[in-house]
Protein backbone atom coordinates (compact mmCIF):
# COMPACT_ATOMS: atom_id res chain seq x y z
CA MET A 1 17.52 10.70 14.84
CA ASN A 2 14.14 11.94 15.26
CA THR A 3 12.10 9.18 16.53
CA ASN A 4 8.81 10.63 15.46
CA CYS A 5 10.34 10.08 11.86
CA LEU A 6 10.48 6.34 12.43
CA GLN A 7 6.93 5.76 13.33
CA SER A 8 6.52 2.74 10.94
CA GLY A 9 8.81 0.76 12.94
CA LEU A 10 12.39 1.06 11.27
CA ALA A 11 15.25 0.18 13.66
CA PRO A 12 17.74 2.62 14.41
CA GLY A 13 20.19 0.08 13.56
CA HIS A 14 19.25 0.19 9.87
CA VAL A 15 19.84 4.09 9.42
CA SER A 16 23.16 5.10 7.19
CA LEU A 17 24.51 8.47 7.22
CA GLY A 18 24.89 10.32 4.03
CA GLY A 19 23.51 7.01 1.80
CA SER A 20 26.68 5.52 1.82
CA THR A 21 25.69 1.93 2.66
CA ALA A 22 22.67 0.45 1.91
CA HIS A 23 21.33 -1.78 4.65
CA ARG A 24 18.23 -3.43 3.36
CA SER A 25 17.65 -6.26 6.17
CA SER A 26 14.62 -4.13 7.58
CA LEU A 27 12.75 -3.86 4.24
CA ALA A 28 13.58 -7.53 3.85
CA LEU A 29 12.14 -8.53 7.33
CA GLN A 30 9.29 -6.57 6.87
CA GLU A 31 8.50 -8.16 3.51
CA ARG A 32 9.25 -11.62 4.93
CA ARG A 33 6.52 -11.50 7.57
CA THR A 34 3.64 -13.53 6.54
CA VAL A 35 0.38 -14.58 8.16
CA LYS A 36 -0.83 -17.90 9.88
CA PRO A 37 -3.59 -19.08 12.00
CA ARG A 38 -3.05 -20.69 15.22
CA ARG A 39 -6.16 -21.94 17.05
CA THR A 40 -6.38 -23.04 20.64
CA ALA A 41 -9.55 -23.74 22.66
CA ALA A 42 -9.40 -20.53 23.97
CA SER A 43 -7.76 -18.23 21.46
CA VAL A 44 -7.36 -17.39 17.69
CA ARG A 45 -4.06 -15.66 16.53
CA CYS A 46 -2.98 -15.09 13.07
CA GLN A 47 0.73 -15.65 13.35
CA ALA A 48 3.88 -14.01 11.79
CA ALA A 49 7.45 -15.23 11.52
CA SER A 50 9.22 -12.58 13.40
CA THR A 51 13.19 -12.85 12.09
CA GLU A 52 14.53 -12.95 8.81
CA THR A 53 16.07 -16.49 9.22
CA GLU A 54 12.71 -18.22 9.98
CA GLN A 55 10.88 -19.61 7.24
CA ALA A 56 7.56 -17.68 6.80
CA THR A 57 4.44 -19.87 6.04
CA PRO A 58 2.76 -19.38 3.02
CA ALA A 59 -0.49 -16.83 2.91
CA ASP A 60 -2.46 -19.54 1.78
CA ALA A 61 -2.15 -20.95 5.42
CA LEU A 62 -4.65 -18.24 6.25
CA LEU A 63 -7.65 -20.33 4.47
CA HIS A 64 -8.58 -22.90 7.10
CA ASN A 65 -11.05 -25.44 5.25
CA ALA A 66 -9.44 -24.39 1.94
CA SER A 67 -5.93 -25.43 1.71
CA SER A 68 -6.64 -28.44 -0.31
CA LYS A 69 -6.67 -28.11 -4.20
CA ALA A 70 -9.40 -30.76 -3.91
CA GLU A 71 -11.48 -28.45 -1.84
CA ARG A 72 -12.06 -25.24 -3.63
CA PHE A 73 -13.57 -22.50 -0.98
CA ASP A 74 -15.77 -19.86 -2.69
CA GLY A 75 -14.51 -16.95 -1.22
CA ARG A 76 -16.64 -14.58 -3.59
CA ALA A 77 -19.66 -16.26 -2.90
CA PHE A 78 -18.80 -16.10 1.06
CA ARG A 79 -17.83 -12.42 0.51
CA ARG A 80 -21.47 -11.37 -1.18
CA GLY A 81 -23.34 -13.51 1.26
CA LEU A 82 -22.23 -11.44 3.97
CA GLY A 83 -24.50 -8.72 3.08
CA LYS A 84 -27.53 -10.79 3.78
CA THR A 85 -26.19 -11.08 7.40
CA GLY A 86 -27.81 -7.71 8.57
CA ARG A 87 -24.27 -7.16 10.23
CA TYR A 88 -22.18 -5.66 6.90
CA ILE A 89 -21.67 -2.43 5.72
CA ARG A 90 -19.42 -1.65 2.51
CA ASN A 91 -20.56 1.54 1.43
CA PRO A 92 -20.00 5.29 2.69
CA ILE A 93 -23.20 7.63 3.83
CA ASN A 94 -21.57 10.95 3.28
CA ASP A 95 -22.28 11.79 6.91
CA LYS A 96 -21.45 15.86 6.89
CA ASP A 97 -20.29 15.71 10.55
CA SER A 98 -17.90 12.81 9.96
CA LEU A 99 -16.55 14.46 6.98
CA ALA A 100 -16.29 18.04 8.98
CA LEU A 101 -14.26 16.01 11.47
CA MET A 102 -12.03 14.57 9.14
CA GLU A 103 -11.25 18.43 7.73
CA THR A 104 -10.60 19.46 11.41
CA HIS A 105 -8.35 16.43 12.13
CA GLY A 106 -6.47 16.90 8.73
CA VAL A 107 -7.06 13.45 7.40
CA GLY A 108 -9.11 14.38 4.47
CA TYR A 109 -8.50 16.81 1.50
CA SER A 110 -7.45 20.31 2.02
CA THR A 111 -10.41 22.91 1.25
CA THR A 112 -8.72 26.30 2.55
CA GLY A 113 -4.93 25.26 3.51
CA LEU A 114 -1.82 25.53 1.04
CA VAL A 115 -2.40 22.68 -0.89
CA ALA A 116 -5.94 23.76 -1.97
CA GLN A 117 -4.44 27.26 -2.74
CA MET A 118 -1.89 25.63 -4.83
CA ARG A 119 -4.64 23.39 -6.82
CA GLU A 120 -6.08 27.21 -7.69
CA SER A 121 -2.68 28.45 -8.72
CA GLY A 122 -2.17 25.55 -11.42
CA ASN A 123 -0.33 23.44 -9.05
CA LEU A 124 2.69 25.93 -8.54
CA TRP A 125 3.76 27.97 -5.41
CA GLN A 126 6.36 30.65 -5.04
CA PHE A 127 7.82 31.19 -1.52
CA LYS A 128 10.98 33.54 -1.64
CA ASP A 129 13.37 32.03 -4.26
CA ILE A 130 11.65 28.51 -3.62
CA THR A 131 9.24 27.17 -6.64
CA VAL A 132 6.94 24.41 -5.66
CA LYS A 133 5.53 22.15 -8.22
CA LEU A 134 3.02 19.89 -7.11
CA ALA A 135 2.08 16.87 -9.33
CA ASN A 136 -0.92 16.85 -11.57
CA ALA A 137 -2.03 13.74 -9.51
CA TYR A 138 -1.06 13.14 -5.96
CA GLY A 139 -2.05 12.18 -2.49
CA TYR A 140 -5.43 10.44 -1.37
CA CYS A 141 -6.94 8.42 -3.62
CA TRP A 142 -10.49 7.67 -3.74
CA GLY A 143 -10.35 3.75 -2.21
CA VAL A 144 -8.14 5.49 0.71
CA GLU A 145 -10.53 8.15 1.46
CA ARG A 146 -13.76 6.36 1.19
CA ALA A 147 -12.10 3.93 4.05
CA VAL A 148 -10.76 6.72 6.27
CA GLN A 149 -14.69 8.08 5.93
CA MET A 150 -16.16 4.87 6.68
CA ALA A 151 -14.09 4.59 9.76
CA TYR A 152 -15.09 7.94 11.01
CA GLU A 153 -18.86 7.53 10.01
CA ALA A 154 -18.69 4.15 12.07
CA LYS A 155 -17.48 5.69 15.01
CA LYS A 156 -20.41 8.25 14.81
CA ALA A 157 -22.87 5.48 13.98
CA TYR A 158 -21.87 3.14 16.83
CA PRO A 159 -21.69 5.28 20.31
CA GLY A 160 -20.67 3.19 22.91
CA GLN A 161 -19.63 0.32 21.23
CA LYS A 162 -16.12 -1.30 20.96
CA LEU A 163 -14.56 -0.78 17.58
CA TYR A 164 -11.71 -2.56 16.13
CA VAL A 165 -9.79 -2.31 12.75
CA THR A 166 -7.92 -5.52 11.45
CA ASN A 167 -5.06 -3.53 10.39
CA GLU A 168 -3.83 0.01 10.07
CA ILE A 169 -6.98 1.60 8.09
CA ILE A 170 -4.34 2.85 5.55
CA HIS A 171 -0.60 3.17 5.27
CA ASN A 172 0.02 6.75 7.19
CA PRO A 173 1.11 6.94 10.49
CA ALA A 174 -1.18 10.17 11.21
CA VAL A 175 -4.40 8.78 10.18
CA ASN A 176 -4.01 5.61 12.11
CA GLN A 177 -2.84 7.90 15.15
CA ARG A 178 -6.15 9.67 15.02
CA LEU A 179 -8.34 6.56 14.79
CA LYS A 180 -6.26 5.28 18.00
CA GLU A 181 -7.19 8.52 19.72
CA MET A 182 -10.88 8.03 18.78
CA ASP A 183 -10.44 4.87 20.66
CA ILE A 184 -10.66 2.56 17.30
CA GLU A 185 -8.15 -0.20 18.32
CA ILE A 186 -6.15 -1.50 15.36
CA ILE A 187 -5.39 -4.94 15.86
CA GLU A 188 -1.81 -5.09 15.14
CA ASP A 189 0.83 -7.94 15.07
CA LYS A 190 2.84 -6.18 17.90
CA THR A 191 5.21 -9.12 19.35
CA GLY A 192 5.82 -11.29 16.23
CA THR A 193 3.35 -13.84 17.52
CA GLY A 194 0.53 -12.91 15.55
CA LYS A 195 -2.69 -10.90 15.55
CA ASP A 196 -4.98 -11.60 18.65
CA PHE A 197 -8.72 -11.31 18.04
CA ASP A 198 -9.60 -12.90 21.58
CA PRO A 199 -10.77 -9.39 22.46
CA VAL A 200 -13.43 -9.09 19.62
CA GLN A 201 -16.64 -10.40 21.03
CA GLU A 202 -20.23 -10.91 19.26
CA GLY A 203 -21.66 -6.94 18.84
CA ASP A 204 -18.35 -5.44 18.48
CA VAL A 205 -17.72 -3.35 15.56
CA VAL A 206 -14.77 -4.27 13.15
CA ILE A 207 -13.69 -2.41 10.32
CA LEU A 208 -11.58 -4.18 7.22
CA PRO A 209 -8.88 -1.70 6.27
CA ALA A 210 -8.60 -0.25 2.53
CA PHE A 211 -6.31 -3.28 1.22
CA GLY A 212 -8.63 -5.45 2.47
CA ALA A 213 -8.48 -8.68 4.75
CA SER A 214 -8.31 -12.37 4.24
CA VAL A 215 -11.21 -14.78 3.72
CA SER A 216 -9.99 -16.39 6.90
CA GLU A 217 -10.15 -13.40 8.86
CA MET A 218 -13.38 -12.48 7.25
CA ARG A 219 -14.68 -15.97 8.30
CA LEU A 220 -13.63 -15.80 11.67
CA LEU A 221 -15.21 -12.40 12.17
CA SER A 222 -18.48 -13.46 10.66
CA ASP A 223 -18.61 -16.73 13.12
CA ARG A 224 -18.07 -14.27 15.95
CA LYS A 225 -21.33 -12.26 14.85
CA VAL A 226 -19.82 -8.52 14.74
CA GLN A 227 -20.80 -6.10 12.67
CA LEU A 228 -18.24 -5.81 9.80
CA VAL A 229 -17.67 -2.24 7.96
CA ASP A 230 -15.91 -3.22 4.90
CA THR A 231 -13.84 -0.23 3.50
CA THR A 232 -11.82 -2.59 0.95
CA CYS A 233 -11.30 -0.51 -1.85
CA PRO A 234 -13.16 -1.57 -4.81
CA TRP A 235 -9.89 -1.78 -6.98
CA VAL A 236 -8.81 -4.20 -4.31
CA SER A 237 -11.99 -6.31 -4.89
CA LYS A 238 -11.70 -6.20 -8.50
CA VAL A 239 -8.21 -8.10 -8.26
CA TRP A 240 -10.00 -10.47 -6.07
CA ASN A 241 -12.76 -11.18 -8.84
CA ALA A 242 -9.89 -11.79 -11.09
CA VAL A 243 -8.10 -14.47 -9.03
CA ASP A 244 -11.44 -16.08 -8.30
CA ASN A 245 -12.22 -16.03 -12.00
CA GLN A 246 -8.98 -17.60 -12.69
CA SER A 247 -9.44 -20.17 -9.58
CA ARG A 248 -12.73 -21.49 -11.47
CA LYS A 249 -10.85 -21.81 -14.72
CA ALA A 250 -7.82 -23.96 -13.08
CA HIS A 251 -5.36 -21.24 -13.40
CA THR A 252 -2.70 -20.52 -11.46
CA SER A 253 -2.58 -16.92 -10.28
CA ILE A 254 0.44 -14.99 -10.69
CA ILE A 255 0.37 -12.31 -8.60
CA HIS A 256 2.75 -9.47 -9.27
CA GLY A 257 3.37 -8.03 -5.68
CA LYS A 258 4.91 -8.17 -2.17
CA TYR A 259 4.10 -11.59 -0.78
CA SER A 260 3.63 -10.51 2.75
CA HIS A 261 1.96 -7.34 2.04
CA GLU A 262 -1.04 -7.30 3.93
CA GLU A 263 -3.14 -6.48 -0.01
CA THR A 264 -1.50 -9.37 -1.50
CA VAL A 265 -2.10 -11.87 1.57
CA ALA A 266 -6.08 -10.97 1.10
CA THR A 267 -5.81 -11.47 -2.59
CA ALA A 268 -3.95 -14.83 -2.61
CA SER A 269 -7.03 -16.15 0.14
CA PHE A 270 -9.25 -15.87 -3.08
CA ALA A 271 -6.92 -18.13 -5.45
CA THR A 272 -7.00 -21.84 -5.20
CA THR A 273 -3.33 -21.83 -6.44
CA TYR A 274 -0.98 -18.80 -6.87
CA LEU A 275 2.47 -17.69 -7.09
CA VAL A 276 3.81 -14.32 -5.77
CA VAL A 277 6.34 -12.84 -7.84
CA ARG A 278 7.90 -9.29 -6.48
CA ASP A 279 9.58 -7.99 -9.92
CA ILE A 280 10.37 -8.55 -13.28
CA ALA A 281 13.58 -10.76 -12.30
CA GLU A 282 11.39 -13.31 -10.40
CA ALA A 283 9.06 -13.31 -13.21
CA GLU A 284 12.02 -14.16 -15.89
CA TYR A 285 13.11 -17.00 -13.56
CA VAL A 286 9.40 -18.36 -13.86
CA ALA A 287 9.39 -17.92 -17.48
CA ASP A 288 12.77 -19.82 -17.95
CA TYR A 289 11.49 -22.69 -15.76
CA ILE A 290 8.17 -22.95 -17.89
CA ALA A 291 10.22 -22.52 -20.92
CA ASN A 292 13.22 -25.02 -20.03
CA GLY A 293 12.25 -26.63 -16.94
CA GLY A 294 14.69 -26.95 -14.13
CA SER A 295 15.35 -28.09 -10.40
CA LYS A 296 12.20 -28.35 -8.52
CA ALA A 297 13.73 -28.19 -5.31
CA ASP A 298 15.53 -24.93 -6.34
CA PHE A 299 12.28 -23.44 -7.50
CA LEU A 300 10.38 -24.08 -4.35
CA ASP A 301 13.00 -23.36 -2.27
CA LYS A 302 13.41 -19.56 -3.94
CA PHE A 303 9.59 -19.21 -3.98
CA LYS A 304 9.02 -20.96 -0.44
CA ASN A 305 6.98 -18.07 1.11
CA SER A 306 5.51 -17.05 -2.18
CA VAL A 307 3.08 -20.26 -3.24
CA SER A 308 0.24 -21.82 -2.33
CA ALA A 309 0.03 -25.11 -0.47
CA GLY A 310 1.54 -28.03 -2.43
CA PHE A 311 2.24 -25.96 -5.24
CA ASP A 312 4.00 -28.21 -8.17
CA PRO A 313 5.93 -25.88 -10.56
CA ASP A 314 6.09 -28.88 -13.04
CA THR A 315 2.16 -28.94 -13.00
CA ASP A 316 0.96 -25.68 -11.74
CA LEU A 317 2.60 -23.31 -14.52
CA GLU A 318 0.65 -24.90 -17.44
CA ARG A 319 -2.17 -22.41 -17.39
CA LEU A 320 -1.48 -18.97 -15.71
CA GLY A 321 -3.77 -15.97 -14.99
CA LEU A 322 -1.95 -12.68 -14.05
CA ALA A 323 -3.10 -10.12 -11.04
CA ASN A 324 -1.22 -7.64 -9.59
CA GLN A 325 -1.07 -5.79 -5.93
CA THR A 326 -2.75 -2.36 -6.83
CA THR A 327 0.40 -0.35 -5.56
CA MET A 328 3.08 -2.23 -7.66
CA LEU A 329 4.70 -0.14 -10.58
CA ARG A 330 2.52 -0.20 -13.47
CA ASP A 331 5.21 -0.31 -16.28
CA GLU A 332 6.78 -3.67 -14.41
CA THR A 333 2.98 -5.25 -14.18
CA LEU A 334 2.76 -4.53 -17.80
CA GLN A 335 6.00 -5.91 -18.60
CA ILE A 336 5.52 -9.25 -16.43
CA GLY A 337 2.17 -9.95 -18.37
CA LYS A 338 3.72 -9.27 -21.65
CA LEU A 339 6.64 -11.79 -20.60
CA LEU A 340 4.43 -14.54 -19.61
CA GLU A 341 1.84 -14.29 -22.37
CA LYS A 342 4.89 -14.54 -24.84
CA THR A 343 6.48 -17.50 -22.61
CA MET A 344 3.05 -19.34 -22.76
CA MET A 345 2.49 -18.52 -26.62
CA GLU A 346 6.08 -19.95 -27.41
CA LYS A 347 5.77 -23.08 -25.45
CA TYR A 348 2.02 -24.30 -26.49
CA GLY A 349 1.63 -22.16 -29.60
CA PRO A 350 -1.01 -19.48 -30.33
CA ALA A 351 -3.66 -21.85 -30.79
CA GLU A 352 -3.68 -23.03 -27.16
CA LEU A 353 -2.86 -19.24 -25.58
CA LYS A 354 -6.54 -18.36 -24.81
CA ASP A 355 -6.82 -21.58 -22.93
CA ARG A 356 -3.24 -21.19 -21.15
CA TYR A 357 -3.12 -17.41 -20.24
CA MET A 358 -5.79 -15.09 -19.10
CA VAL A 359 -5.45 -11.61 -18.19
CA MET A 360 -7.80 -8.95 -16.68
CA ASP A 361 -6.91 -5.16 -16.30
CA THR A 362 -6.42 -4.65 -12.62
CA ILE A 363 -3.76 -1.99 -12.71
CA CYS A 364 -5.48 0.77 -10.13
CA ASP A 365 -6.29 3.95 -12.15
CA ALA A 366 -4.85 6.18 -8.96
CA THR A 367 -1.49 4.42 -8.75
CA GLN A 368 -1.20 4.56 -12.45
CA THR A 369 -1.98 8.34 -12.54
CA ARG A 370 0.40 9.26 -9.62
CA GLN A 371 3.24 7.29 -11.11
CA SER A 372 2.60 8.99 -14.60
CA ALA A 373 2.60 12.36 -12.90
CA VAL A 374 6.03 12.07 -11.34
CA TYR A 375 7.18 10.66 -14.65
CA GLU A 376 5.93 13.91 -16.13
CA LEU A 377 7.60 16.18 -13.43
CA THR A 378 10.95 14.59 -13.84
CA ALA A 379 10.46 13.97 -17.83
CA SER A 380 12.58 17.44 -18.34
CA GLN A 381 15.85 17.64 -16.56
CA ASP A 382 17.79 18.59 -19.39
CA GLN A 383 15.35 21.83 -19.87
CA ALA A 384 16.14 24.24 -17.48
CA ASP A 385 12.72 26.14 -17.53
CA LYS A 386 11.02 22.51 -16.84
CA ARG A 387 13.61 20.84 -14.69
CA VAL A 388 13.30 20.34 -11.06
CA ASP A 389 16.28 20.54 -8.75
CA MET A 390 14.82 17.94 -6.18
CA MET A 391 11.70 15.61 -5.25
CA ILE A 392 10.00 15.47 -2.15
CA VAL A 393 7.65 12.60 -1.49
CA VAL A 394 5.46 12.33 1.27
CA GLY A 395 3.96 8.94 2.43
CA GLY A 396 4.15 6.44 5.01
CA PHE A 397 7.43 4.34 5.23
CA ASN A 398 5.36 1.02 5.05
CA SER A 399 3.31 2.53 1.94
CA SER A 400 4.28 0.12 -1.26
CA ASN A 401 2.79 2.78 -3.34
CA THR A 402 4.73 5.47 -2.06
CA SER A 403 8.05 3.71 -2.54
CA HIS A 404 7.13 3.17 -6.29
CA LEU A 405 6.55 7.22 -6.41
CA GLN A 406 10.22 7.49 -4.99
CA GLU A 407 11.76 4.92 -7.08
CA ILE A 408 10.81 7.08 -10.24
CA PRO A 409 13.08 10.04 -9.77
CA GLU A 410 15.73 7.90 -8.16
CA LEU A 411 15.75 5.93 -11.41
CA ARG A 412 16.43 9.33 -13.47
CA SER A 413 19.13 10.47 -10.76
CA VAL A 414 16.76 13.24 -9.50
CA PRO A 415 17.52 13.98 -5.98
CA SER A 416 14.62 12.72 -3.93
CA TYR A 417 13.70 12.62 -0.29
CA TRP A 418 11.08 10.30 0.83
CA VAL A 419 9.39 11.69 4.37
CA ASN A 420 6.61 10.22 6.25
CA SER A 421 5.95 13.33 7.94
CA ALA A 422 7.22 16.66 8.68
CA ALA A 423 8.72 14.97 11.85
CA CYS A 424 11.48 13.95 9.37
CA ILE A 425 12.73 17.42 8.98
CA ASP A 426 14.91 19.43 11.35
CA VAL A 427 14.50 23.26 10.59
CA ASP A 428 17.17 24.38 13.01
CA SER A 429 19.84 22.42 11.46
CA ASN A 430 18.48 22.15 7.88
CA LYS A 431 18.60 18.03 7.84
CA VAL A 432 16.23 15.53 6.72
CA MET A 433 15.62 12.08 7.69
CA HIS A 434 14.79 10.26 4.46
CA LYS A 435 14.21 6.43 3.24
CA SER A 436 15.14 5.30 -0.34
CA ALA A 437 13.00 3.02 -2.46
CA HIS A 438 15.20 0.02 -1.64
CA GLY A 439 14.15 0.98 2.18
CA ASP A 440 17.40 2.09 3.49
CA MET A 441 17.19 5.40 5.72
CA ASN A 442 19.38 8.30 5.45
CA GLU A 443 20.24 11.33 7.02
CA THR A 444 21.14 14.61 4.77
CA LYS A 445 22.37 17.66 6.07
CA ASN A 446 21.91 21.21 4.26
CA TRP A 447 19.57 19.66 1.90
CA ILE A 448 17.78 22.92 1.10
CA PRO A 449 20.31 24.64 -0.63
CA ASP A 450 20.88 28.45 -0.98
CA GLY A 451 19.88 30.10 -3.79
CA PRO A 452 16.87 29.51 -6.36
CA LEU A 453 15.33 26.05 -6.16
CA VAL A 454 12.64 24.23 -7.93
CA ILE A 455 10.97 21.42 -5.54
CA GLY A 456 8.78 18.87 -7.41
CA VAL A 457 6.03 17.65 -4.93
CA THR A 458 4.38 14.38 -4.78
CA SER A 459 2.49 12.03 -2.17
CA GLY A 460 1.49 8.65 -1.58
CA ALA A 461 -2.39 7.40 -1.93
CA SER A 462 -2.53 7.12 1.72
CA THR A 463 -1.30 10.57 2.39
CA PRO A 464 -3.61 13.46 3.72
CA ASP A 465 -3.20 16.74 2.14
CA ARG A 466 -2.04 18.31 5.53
CA ALA A 467 0.86 16.26 5.55
CA VAL A 468 2.31 17.63 2.57
CA GLU A 469 1.37 21.25 3.80
CA ASP A 470 3.11 20.39 7.08
CA VAL A 471 6.24 19.23 5.06
CA LEU A 472 6.20 22.53 3.05
CA ASP A 473 5.68 24.62 6.00
CA LYS A 474 9.06 23.13 7.40
CA VAL A 475 10.82 23.66 4.05
CA PHE A 476 9.71 27.49 3.61
CA GLN A 477 10.97 27.75 7.49
CA ILE A 478 14.22 26.61 6.66
CA ARG A 479 14.41 29.31 4.06
CA ASP A 480 13.07 32.06 6.43
CA PRO A 481 12.43 31.12 10.31
CA SER A 482 9.77 33.82 10.60
CA TYR A 483 7.54 32.16 7.97
CA ALA A 484 4.32 31.35 10.16
CA GLY A 485 2.51 29.64 7.46
CA VAL A 486 -0.12 30.52 4.66
CA PRO A 487 -3.56 32.15 5.74
CA PRO A 488 -6.19 29.66 5.11
CA ARG A 489 -8.92 30.48 2.47
CA VAL A 490 -11.89 32.47 3.71
CA GLU A 491 -14.34 30.56 1.41
CA PRO A 492 -13.24 26.62 1.40
CA ALA A 493 -12.25 25.47 -1.88
CA VAL A 494 -14.20 22.33 -3.50
CA PRO A 495 -11.59 19.62 -3.04
CA ALA A 496 -10.29 17.68 -6.41
CA LYS A 497 -11.74 14.52 -5.92
CA PRO A 498 -9.60 11.83 -6.91
CA GLU A 499 -10.23 9.07 -9.51
CA GLU A 500 -13.14 6.71 -8.75
């Protein structure tokens, strides 16, 4: 097994050869890890449950001084107030040197390489008998590119100062490794005992990642009088505003997401009362409880890691608002919204619906367009001139949006290989280590067969173009060991900026 392929922390024990066994405990463990603060006189840590059998504390515990429903902390006002401290930056400055370094490091948009040349060729590329079809929307989204750019700009703007980021800046191993090489320290929970903020001192520079940070972390860092560089994606901030509005109107926020995902933890910290549902099945369970009642004990046990402190399903489901983790499957979010709206209308009647249910469109455009592009690539499997023989999905193994890109071809029975980098591909033996949308790791031999082959390619919103180019280089090397790469363009192409 190529350990470089497993940089995301997947354990060797969770690998199945040939995909015959679905070991999902690794994924389940990852999504049960929830953060809570632990204060002592000398230290502050945000702690996580380290095993699947431990009961993780609800993400609401992150809000020190705000756990009581009777005392609502105004997270939106606090965040706005940070701008008045003189120690808060939330916009990039488009520094040319930083952008050039991103290009050199391969963590920006391709302007000279294979992907740039594919864009100029109608998102198509032919190498011998392999045809590659690049999705119409793929890779870096605006919010991710913005976050990486701001991190590079911070490194230049604060020479000689200690720089931290409160989590991975984005879910891509190559990008995060680059930041480490630039002496930007990632505050990670390496031992299962929580994030350790002890080393962070007044005057240090702390970067908040693209998916944001919880209110409690921002308050802690503000109290430390650090320089904050907030790279939170504006689409994520839009979700925060939605749940804040729901809280102001005494609605419970139903958040479609993964309760231990960093973005959902941050979103929940802006809500007073919330419930996180992972999928339509959990939403249907909630809808049935609203309509027909049931065992409160069973409900609270099922969602013990996914609700705010003191949650009471008998009273807290009387007024609802919908929000979502921006990387979730768009169609499922819409399906959950329709289900909740119908449930509330049937229970309370059309006249009361506007007072019982509220929704704001918080589905990220970038997530939507990338998913739609994969649907389009795999929509004509019954037509020989339009079908793809396989999909390659490139993106970090801990990337939620990438998992949903992988899910689409799987649902359509199109062979699909999700790799986090070119390190997952063994050219000499024609093998690939890849992950399924459900979280199990598989090794497939002879995955690039002889003969004409049409490959559809996409990449997650946290994936730089260079990662896709490196993967395709290895695919072409399997077909022809003498392949030495595509000569770069002499004149850089203008990168296709993603949706804002």
